[in-house]
Amino acid sequence: MKTRIIIAILAVSGIFAAQGTQAAEQRGLIMANTCHSCHGTDGHSVGAMPSIAGKSPDYITDALMRFRDGKKPSTVMARIAKGFTDAEIKALATYFAKQ
């Protein structure tokens, strides 16, 4: 009986974890839409702005946090990144790393 209860709890936990992951991915997609105007569709730039698609999550996270914290100079990104929470930065980094 205990084994069945434990299995049921683990199964439900897995479902909620998967939903949490899907929600984070969806949030990253929604937030990334604002990046497309400068960095191109899905982060593939065709102009002077750097492409961010396929960069590692660590690279994107570091860059956004440095912009946000005023440690990386920019014309626009510092103002944009100031509004991001750590969770939002992680969601963006995850999204663009997969592009």
Protein backbone atom coordinates (compact mmCIF):
# COMPACT_ATOMS: atom_id res chain seq x y z
CA MET A 1 0.00 0.00 0.00
CA LYS A 2 2.79 2.43 0.92
CA THR A 3 4.56 1.68 -2.35
CA ARG A 4 1.45 2.57 -4.38
CA ILE A 5 1.05 5.83 -2.50
CA ILE A 6 4.69 6.73 -3.05
CA ILE A 7 4.41 5.89 -6.77
CA ALA A 8 1.26 8.00 -7.06
CA ILE A 9 2.95 10.95 -5.33
CA LEU A 10 5.98 10.68 -7.60
CA ALA A 11 3.77 10.52 -10.70
CA VAL A 12 1.81 13.60 -9.69
CA SER A 13 5.02 15.43 -8.82
CA GLY A 14 6.39 14.62 -12.26
CA ILE A 15 3.27 16.01 -13.92
CA PHE A 16 3.52 19.27 -11.96
CA ALA A 17 7.24 19.55 -12.69
CA ALA A 18 6.58 19.08 -16.41
CA GLN A 19 3.85 21.72 -16.30
CA GLY A 20 6.23 24.08 -14.49
CA THR A 21 8.84 23.53 -17.20
CA GLN A 22 6.28 24.12 -19.94
CA ALA A 23 5.11 27.30 -18.23
CA ALA A 24 8.68 28.59 -17.98
CA GLU A 25 9.28 27.79 -21.65
CA GLN A 26 6.05 29.56 -22.62
CA ARG A 27 7.07 32.60 -20.56
CA GLY A 28 10.43 32.65 -22.34
CA LEU A 29 8.70 32.54 -25.72
CA ILE A 30 6.34 35.38 -24.82
CA MET A 31 9.17 37.54 -23.48
CA ALA A 32 11.39 36.72 -26.49
CA ASN A 33 8.86 38.29 -28.84
CA THR A 34 10.05 41.71 -27.68
CA CYS A 35 13.65 40.79 -28.56
CA HIS A 36 12.81 39.92 -32.16
CA SER A 37 12.58 43.53 -33.34
CA CYS A 38 16.31 44.06 -32.72
CA HIS A 39 17.84 40.58 -32.62
CA GLY A 40 15.74 39.02 -35.40
CA THR A 41 13.16 36.27 -35.42
CA ASP A 42 14.06 33.69 -32.80
CA GLY A 43 17.32 35.59 -32.19
CA HIS A 44 18.70 35.16 -35.72
CA SER A 45 19.80 38.70 -36.59
CA VAL A 46 20.29 39.78 -40.19
CA GLY A 47 21.55 43.23 -39.34
CA ALA A 48 24.05 44.97 -37.10
CA MET A 49 22.59 43.61 -33.86
CA PRO A 50 24.22 40.41 -32.66
CA SER A 51 22.42 37.11 -33.11
CA ILE A 52 21.58 35.55 -29.77
CA ALA A 53 20.09 32.30 -31.03
CA GLY A 54 22.01 29.24 -29.93
CA LYS A 55 24.20 31.06 -27.41
CA SER A 56 24.66 29.13 -24.19
CA PRO A 57 22.21 29.85 -21.38
CA ASP A 58 25.16 30.89 -19.19
CA TYR A 59 26.34 33.42 -21.80
CA ILE A 60 22.87 34.96 -22.20
CA THR A 61 22.21 34.98 -18.45
CA ASP A 62 25.55 36.63 -17.73
CA ALA A 63 25.06 39.27 -20.43
CA LEU A 64 21.53 40.15 -19.32
CA MET A 65 22.48 40.33 -15.65
CA ARG A 66 25.48 42.53 -16.47
CA PHE A 67 23.23 44.82 -18.54
CA ARG A 68 20.65 44.90 -15.75
CA ASP A 69 23.21 45.62 -13.05
CA GLY A 70 24.92 48.37 -15.07
CA LYS A 71 28.17 46.41 -15.44
CA LYS A 72 27.97 46.10 -19.24
CA PRO A 73 27.65 49.30 -21.27
CA SER A 74 24.86 49.60 -23.81
CA THR A 75 22.58 52.07 -25.48
CA VAL A 76 19.28 50.24 -24.97
CA MET A 77 19.81 46.84 -23.33
CA ALA A 78 20.53 48.21 -19.84
CA ARG A 79 17.15 49.95 -19.81
CA ILE A 80 15.37 46.85 -21.06
CA ALA A 81 17.15 44.43 -18.73
CA LYS A 82 16.46 46.54 -15.63
CA GLY A 83 12.90 45.23 -15.71
CA PHE A 84 13.86 41.55 -15.73
CA THR A 85 13.82 39.32 -12.68
CA ASP A 86 16.34 36.50 -12.34
CA ALA A 87 13.60 34.02 -13.33
CA GLU A 88 12.74 36.02 -16.45
CA ILE A 89 16.40 36.19 -17.45
CA LYS A 90 16.66 32.43 -17.02
CA ALA A 91 13.54 31.92 -19.15
CA LEU A 92 14.96 34.11 -21.93
CA ALA A 93 18.35 32.40 -21.76
CA THR A 94 16.72 28.98 -21.99
CA TYR A 95 14.55 30.01 -24.91
CA PHE A 96 17.31 31.57 -27.01
CA ALA A 97 19.77 28.77 -26.27
CA LYS A 98 17.33 26.33 -27.91
CA GLN A 99 16.99 28.38 -31.12
